[in-house]
Amino acid sequence: MTDKTTDLIWLDQQEMFHVESPCIGVCTSGAKGYCKGCLRSRIERFHWHEMTENQRATVVKICQKRKSRILARREKLDVRNLQQDDLFADFDGQMNLFND
């Protein structure tokens, strides 16, 4: 069987299973419009009850990918490893500029 055939069979069988809402009760939109709790877009949240089980499963997969990208970005930009320079490290040198 090819991957396409397997995908089509899965889509047929997927209709038999109920896909639960990924909502975790943190219903606040971020800067890009995605819910900070479940990472669904406004449209995905608004139309959730009208979607087929296949559509819901697709939205859940998309949200999982969004979460993976966010976590990867956070790891890349890990601010905990950044260290601010000490503003007063060369305080005496800076004060000598005013004494001349």
C-alpha atoms as a PDB file:
ATOM      1  CA  MET A   1       0.000   0.000   0.000  1.00  0.00           C
ATOM      2  CA  THR A   2       1.144   3.502  -0.729  1.00  0.00           C
ATOM      3  CA  ASP A   3       1.132   6.264   1.842  1.00  0.00           C
ATOM      4  CA  LYS A   4      -1.829   7.908   0.085  1.00  0.00           C
ATOM      5  CA  THR A   5      -3.890   4.733   0.324  1.00  0.00           C
ATOM      6  CA  THR A   6      -2.998   4.328   4.001  1.00  0.00           C
ATOM      7  CA  ASP A   7      -3.963   7.953   4.641  1.00  0.00           C
ATOM      8  CA  LEU A   8      -7.335   7.465   2.923  1.00  0.00           C
ATOM      9  CA  ILE A   9      -8.069   4.342   4.978  1.00  0.00           C
ATOM     10  CA  TRP A  10      -7.109   6.219   8.150  1.00  0.00           C
ATOM     11  CA  LEU A  11      -9.388   9.112   7.208  1.00  0.00           C
ATOM     12  CA  ASP A  12     -12.294   6.700   6.754  1.00  0.00           C
ATOM     13  CA  GLN A  13     -11.648   5.046  10.109  1.00  0.00           C
ATOM     14  CA  GLN A  14     -10.995   8.302  11.891  1.00  0.00           C
ATOM     15  CA  GLU A  15     -14.653   9.296  11.566  1.00  0.00           C
ATOM     16  CA  MET A  16     -15.458   6.548  14.096  1.00  0.00           C
ATOM     17  CA  PHE A  17     -13.500   8.247  16.884  1.00  0.00           C
ATOM     18  CA  HIS A  18     -14.519  11.378  18.744  1.00  0.00           C
ATOM     19  CA  VAL A  19     -11.785  14.021  18.857  1.00  0.00           C
ATOM     20  CA  GLU A  20     -11.890  15.961  22.121  1.00  0.00           C
ATOM     21  CA  SER A  21     -11.349  19.693  22.155  1.00  0.00           C
ATOM     22  CA  PRO A  22      -7.743  20.587  22.994  1.00  0.00           C
ATOM     23  CA  CYS A  23      -8.990  23.461  25.176  1.00  0.00           C
ATOM     24  CA  ILE A  24      -7.295  23.570  28.589  1.00  0.00           C
ATOM     25  CA  GLY A  25      -9.226  26.552  29.892  1.00  0.00           C
ATOM     26  CA  VAL A  26      -6.574  29.207  29.225  1.00  0.00           C
ATOM     27  CA  CYS A  27      -8.606  31.190  26.739  1.00  0.00           C
ATOM     28  CA  THR A  28      -6.367  34.151  25.983  1.00  0.00           C
ATOM     29  CA  SER A  29      -5.132  35.076  22.524  1.00  0.00           C
ATOM     30  CA  GLY A  30      -1.481  35.780  21.908  1.00  0.00           C
ATOM     31  CA  ALA A  31      -0.006  38.403  19.594  1.00  0.00           C
ATOM     32  CA  LYS A  32      -0.559  36.239  16.503  1.00  0.00           C
ATOM     33  CA  GLY A  33      -4.156  35.438  17.425  1.00  0.00           C
ATOM     34  CA  TYR A  34      -3.614  31.878  18.604  1.00  0.00           C
ATOM     35  CA  CYS A  35      -5.052  30.771  21.940  1.00  0.00           C
ATOM     36  CA  LYS A  36      -2.258  30.606  24.527  1.00  0.00           C
ATOM     37  CA  GLY A  37      -3.769  27.432  25.994  1.00  0.00           C
ATOM     38  CA  CYS A  38      -4.564  25.187  23.029  1.00  0.00           C
ATOM     39  CA  LEU A  39      -2.847  27.094  20.172  1.00  0.00           C
ATOM     40  CA  ARG A  40      -5.946  27.068  17.974  1.00  0.00           C
ATOM     41  CA  SER A  41      -6.677  30.086  15.791  1.00  0.00           C
ATOM     42  CA  ARG A  42      -9.801  32.106  16.385  1.00  0.00           C
ATOM     43  CA  ILE A  43     -11.485  30.485  13.381  1.00  0.00           C
ATOM     44  CA  GLU A  44     -10.509  27.000  14.562  1.00  0.00           C
ATOM     45  CA  ARG A  45     -11.972  27.720  18.006  1.00  0.00           C
ATOM     46  CA  PHE A  46     -15.115  29.368  16.646  1.00  0.00           C
ATOM     47  CA  HIS A  47     -15.961  26.550  14.202  1.00  0.00           C
ATOM     48  CA  TRP A  48     -14.843  23.592  16.351  1.00  0.00           C
ATOM     49  CA  HIS A  49     -18.402  22.284  16.904  1.00  0.00           C
ATOM     50  CA  GLU A  50     -19.185  22.450  13.178  1.00  0.00           C
ATOM     51  CA  MET A  51     -16.105  20.431  12.135  1.00  0.00           C
ATOM     52  CA  THR A  52     -16.048  16.786  11.183  1.00  0.00           C
ATOM     53  CA  GLU A  53     -13.916  14.430  13.243  1.00  0.00           C
ATOM     54  CA  ASN A  54     -11.305  14.450  10.446  1.00  0.00           C
ATOM     55  CA  GLN A  55     -11.147  18.226  10.506  1.00  0.00           C
ATOM     56  CA  ARG A  56     -10.839  18.236  14.283  1.00  0.00           C
ATOM     57  CA  ALA A  57      -8.025  15.688  14.160  1.00  0.00           C
ATOM     58  CA  THR A  58      -6.257  17.838  11.568  1.00  0.00           C
ATOM     59  CA  VAL A  59      -6.588  20.922  13.788  1.00  0.00           C
ATOM     60  CA  VAL A  60      -5.153  18.991  16.745  1.00  0.00           C
ATOM     61  CA  LYS A  61      -2.163  17.907  14.605  1.00  0.00           C
ATOM     62  CA  ILE A  62      -1.637  21.497  13.459  1.00  0.00           C
ATOM     63  CA  CYS A  63      -1.720  22.680  17.092  1.00  0.00           C
ATOM     64  CA  GLN A  64       0.869  20.048  18.027  1.00  0.00           C
ATOM     65  CA  LYS A  65       3.136  21.311  15.239  1.00  0.00           C
ATOM     66  CA  ARG A  66       2.650  24.897  16.428  1.00  0.00           C
ATOM     67  CA  LYS A  67       3.615  23.848  19.940  1.00  0.00           C
ATOM     68  CA  SER A  68       6.731  22.052  18.647  1.00  0.00           C
ATOM     69  CA  ARG A  69       7.810  25.158  16.716  1.00  0.00           C
ATOM     70  CA  ILE A  70       7.242  27.384  19.752  1.00  0.00           C
ATOM     71  CA  LEU A  71       9.239  25.074  22.020  1.00  0.00           C
ATOM     72  CA  ALA A  72      12.066  24.859  19.467  1.00  0.00           C
ATOM     73  CA  ARG A  73      12.130  28.655  19.155  1.00  0.00           C
ATOM     74  CA  ARG A  74      12.195  29.042  22.948  1.00  0.00           C
ATOM     75  CA  GLU A  75      15.061  26.582  23.213  1.00  0.00           C
ATOM     76  CA  LYS A  76      16.963  28.451  20.511  1.00  0.00           C
ATOM     77  CA  LEU A  77      16.395  31.805  22.201  1.00  0.00           C
ATOM     78  CA  ASP A  78      16.802  30.518  25.742  1.00  0.00           C
ATOM     79  CA  VAL A  79      16.958  33.777  27.663  1.00  0.00           C
ATOM     80  CA  ARG A  80      17.973  32.034  30.858  1.00  0.00           C
ATOM     81  CA  ASN A  81      21.454  31.587  29.405  1.00  0.00           C
ATOM     82  CA  LEU A  82      21.803  35.257  28.540  1.00  0.00           C
ATOM     83  CA  GLN A  83      23.675  37.354  31.026  1.00  0.00           C
ATOM     84  CA  GLN A  84      23.488  41.105  31.271  1.00  0.00           C
ATOM     85  CA  ASP A  85      26.753  42.984  31.433  1.00  0.00           C
ATOM     86  CA  ASP A  86      27.477  44.646  34.739  1.00  0.00           C
ATOM     87  CA  LEU A  87      26.883  48.355  34.211  1.00  0.00           C
ATOM     88  CA  PHE A  88      29.291  49.300  36.982  1.00  0.00           C
ATOM     89  CA  ALA A  89      32.136  46.901  36.129  1.00  0.00           C
ATOM     90  CA  ASP A  90      34.323  49.732  34.845  1.00  0.00           C
ATOM     91  CA  PHE A  91      32.918  52.457  37.088  1.00  0.00           C
ATOM     92  CA  ASP A  92      36.358  53.843  38.040  1.00  0.00           C
ATOM     93  CA  GLY A  93      37.368  54.050  34.373  1.00  0.00           C
ATOM     94  CA  GLN A  94      34.175  55.908  33.548  1.00  0.00           C
ATOM     95  CA  MET A  95      34.698  58.346  36.432  1.00  0.00           C
ATOM     96  CA  ASN A  96      38.223  59.134  35.176  1.00  0.00           C
ATOM     97  CA  LEU A  97      36.671  60.540  32.028  1.00  0.00           C
ATOM     98  CA  PHE A  98      35.135  63.339  34.089  1.00  0.00           C
ATOM     99  CA  ASN A  99      38.312  64.138  36.020  1.00  0.00           C
ATOM    100  CA  ASP A 100      40.331  65.212  32.997  1.00  0.00           C
END
